[in-house]
Amino acid sequence: MNTGYKAPSQKVDWEQQCKQAKNLWIFAVFGFYVSIIVAGIVWFLHREVNLVLVSVILGMMVLGIWLKTRYQLLVRKGPPSRDDSQD
């Protein structure tokens, strides 16, 4: 029985994974810079370093590095070849 549903190709799946990894990395970088700005404002107002904000900054930095590495590995891997899946 043919339902008309066609599974997405591997290339489309790879492109979606790359797009998602890139978007997550961009959000992490944005969060990193926003937390630096907030920490700078808090330091300017209170003249003391807020260790909670510093830990958030370091966490966002580690998350950004991990996501960038994941994105680069996906890009380097490249889209799967279609040699074995001819329609």
C-alpha atoms as a PDB file:
ATOM      1  CA  MET A   1       0.000   0.000   0.000  1.00  0.00           C
ATOM      2  CA  ASN A   2       1.484   3.292  -1.114  1.00  0.00           C
ATOM      3  CA  THR A   3       0.628   6.183   1.210  1.00  0.00           C
ATOM      4  CA  GLY A   4       2.470   8.776  -0.837  1.00  0.00           C
ATOM      5  CA  TYR A   5       4.858   9.479   2.033  1.00  0.00           C
ATOM      6  CA  LYS A   6       8.469   9.774   1.025  1.00  0.00           C
ATOM      7  CA  ALA A   7      11.141   9.711   3.708  1.00  0.00           C
ATOM      8  CA  PRO A   8      13.491  12.711   3.633  1.00  0.00           C
ATOM      9  CA  SER A   9      16.766  12.081   1.932  1.00  0.00           C
ATOM     10  CA  GLN A  10      19.970  11.797   3.867  1.00  0.00           C
ATOM     11  CA  LYS A  11      21.227  15.063   2.404  1.00  0.00           C
ATOM     12  CA  VAL A  12      18.170  16.947   3.669  1.00  0.00           C
ATOM     13  CA  ASP A  13      18.671  15.354   7.097  1.00  0.00           C
ATOM     14  CA  TRP A  14      22.351  16.404   7.071  1.00  0.00           C
ATOM     15  CA  GLU A  15      21.414  19.960   6.074  1.00  0.00           C
ATOM     16  CA  GLN A  16      18.879  20.145   8.909  1.00  0.00           C
ATOM     17  CA  GLN A  17      21.461  18.887  11.399  1.00  0.00           C
ATOM     18  CA  CYS A  18      23.979  21.490  10.211  1.00  0.00           C
ATOM     19  CA  LYS A  19      21.407  24.263  10.384  1.00  0.00           C
ATOM     20  CA  GLN A  20      20.343  23.241  13.884  1.00  0.00           C
ATOM     21  CA  ALA A  21      23.952  22.978  15.104  1.00  0.00           C
ATOM     22  CA  LYS A  22      24.761  26.401  13.647  1.00  0.00           C
ATOM     23  CA  ASN A  23      21.669  28.007  15.206  1.00  0.00           C
ATOM     24  CA  LEU A  24      22.462  26.519  18.623  1.00  0.00           C
ATOM     25  CA  TRP A  25      26.030  27.797  18.352  1.00  0.00           C
ATOM     26  CA  ILE A  26      24.788  31.294  17.425  1.00  0.00           C
ATOM     27  CA  PHE A  27      22.436  31.301  20.422  1.00  0.00           C
ATOM     28  CA  ALA A  28      25.295  30.234  22.701  1.00  0.00           C
ATOM     29  CA  VAL A  29      27.547  33.020  21.390  1.00  0.00           C
ATOM     30  CA  PHE A  30      24.735  35.543  21.781  1.00  0.00           C
ATOM     31  CA  GLY A  31      24.115  34.339  25.354  1.00  0.00           C
ATOM     32  CA  PHE A  32      27.839  34.561  26.100  1.00  0.00           C
ATOM     33  CA  TYR A  33      28.049  38.196  25.028  1.00  0.00           C
ATOM     34  CA  VAL A  34      24.798  39.145  26.769  1.00  0.00           C
ATOM     35  CA  SER A  35      26.044  37.600  30.016  1.00  0.00           C
ATOM     36  CA  ILE A  36      29.340  39.509  29.679  1.00  0.00           C
ATOM     37  CA  ILE A  37      27.406  42.760  29.245  1.00  0.00           C
ATOM     38  CA  VAL A  38      25.177  41.996  32.241  1.00  0.00           C
ATOM     39  CA  ALA A  39      28.212  41.099  34.362  1.00  0.00           C
ATOM     40  CA  GLY A  40      29.899  44.335  33.296  1.00  0.00           C
ATOM     41  CA  ILE A  41      26.837  46.376  34.272  1.00  0.00           C
ATOM     42  CA  VAL A  42      26.593  44.595  37.645  1.00  0.00           C
ATOM     43  CA  TRP A  43      30.297  45.177  38.263  1.00  0.00           C
ATOM     44  CA  PHE A  44      29.967  48.863  37.317  1.00  0.00           C
ATOM     45  CA  LEU A  45      27.029  49.353  39.691  1.00  0.00           C
ATOM     46  CA  HIS A  46      28.332  47.359  42.665  1.00  0.00           C
ATOM     47  CA  ARG A  47      32.104  47.393  42.071  1.00  0.00           C
ATOM     48  CA  GLU A  48      32.379  43.693  42.860  1.00  0.00           C
ATOM     49  CA  VAL A  49      32.498  40.601  40.703  1.00  0.00           C
ATOM     50  CA  ASN A  50      29.392  38.419  40.818  1.00  0.00           C
ATOM     51  CA  LEU A  51      30.642  34.825  40.856  1.00  0.00           C
ATOM     52  CA  VAL A  52      27.306  33.452  39.658  1.00  0.00           C
ATOM     53  CA  LEU A  53      27.542  35.563  36.511  1.00  0.00           C
ATOM     54  CA  VAL A  54      31.171  34.563  36.033  1.00  0.00           C
ATOM     55  CA  SER A  55      30.171  30.892  36.213  1.00  0.00           C
ATOM     56  CA  VAL A  56      27.386  31.534  33.671  1.00  0.00           C
ATOM     57  CA  ILE A  57      29.909  33.231  31.369  1.00  0.00           C
ATOM     58  CA  LEU A  58      32.332  30.315  31.638  1.00  0.00           C
ATOM     59  CA  GLY A  59      29.522  27.825  31.063  1.00  0.00           C
ATOM     60  CA  MET A  60      28.353  29.678  27.961  1.00  0.00           C
ATOM     61  CA  MET A  61      31.933  29.766  26.700  1.00  0.00           C
ATOM     62  CA  VAL A  62      32.355  25.995  27.146  1.00  0.00           C
ATOM     63  CA  LEU A  63      28.940  25.377  25.549  1.00  0.00           C
ATOM     64  CA  GLY A  64      29.857  27.612  22.604  1.00  0.00           C
ATOM     65  CA  ILE A  65      33.153  25.800  22.054  1.00  0.00           C
ATOM     66  CA  TRP A  66      31.429  22.409  22.179  1.00  0.00           C
ATOM     67  CA  LEU A  67      28.686  23.495  19.763  1.00  0.00           C
ATOM     68  CA  LYS A  68      31.181  25.052  17.354  1.00  0.00           C
ATOM     69  CA  THR A  69      33.212  21.834  17.365  1.00  0.00           C
ATOM     70  CA  ARG A  70      30.057  19.801  16.719  1.00  0.00           C
ATOM     71  CA  TYR A  71      29.104  22.110  13.844  1.00  0.00           C
ATOM     72  CA  GLN A  72      32.582  21.971  12.299  1.00  0.00           C
ATOM     73  CA  LEU A  73      32.601  18.162  12.472  1.00  0.00           C
ATOM     74  CA  LEU A  74      29.241  18.025  10.677  1.00  0.00           C
ATOM     75  CA  VAL A  75      30.462  20.390   7.967  1.00  0.00           C
ATOM     76  CA  ARG A  76      33.738  18.515   7.538  1.00  0.00           C
ATOM     77  CA  LYS A  77      31.882  15.208   7.319  1.00  0.00           C
ATOM     78  CA  GLY A  78      29.865  16.580   4.411  1.00  0.00           C
ATOM     79  CA  PRO A  79      26.556  15.396   3.034  1.00  0.00           C
ATOM     80  CA  PRO A  80      26.190  11.655   2.563  1.00  0.00           C
ATOM     81  CA  SER A  81      26.731  10.348  -0.936  1.00  0.00           C
ATOM     82  CA  ARG A  82      23.726   9.107  -2.887  1.00  0.00           C
ATOM     83  CA  ASP A  83      25.586   6.235  -4.561  1.00  0.00           C
ATOM     84  CA  ASP A  84      23.783   3.543  -2.606  1.00  0.00           C
ATOM     85  CA  SER A  85      20.279   5.066  -2.541  1.00  0.00           C
ATOM     86  CA  GLN A  86      19.044   5.489  -6.077  1.00  0.00           C
ATOM     87  CA  ASP A  87      15.297   6.287  -6.362  1.00  0.00           C
END
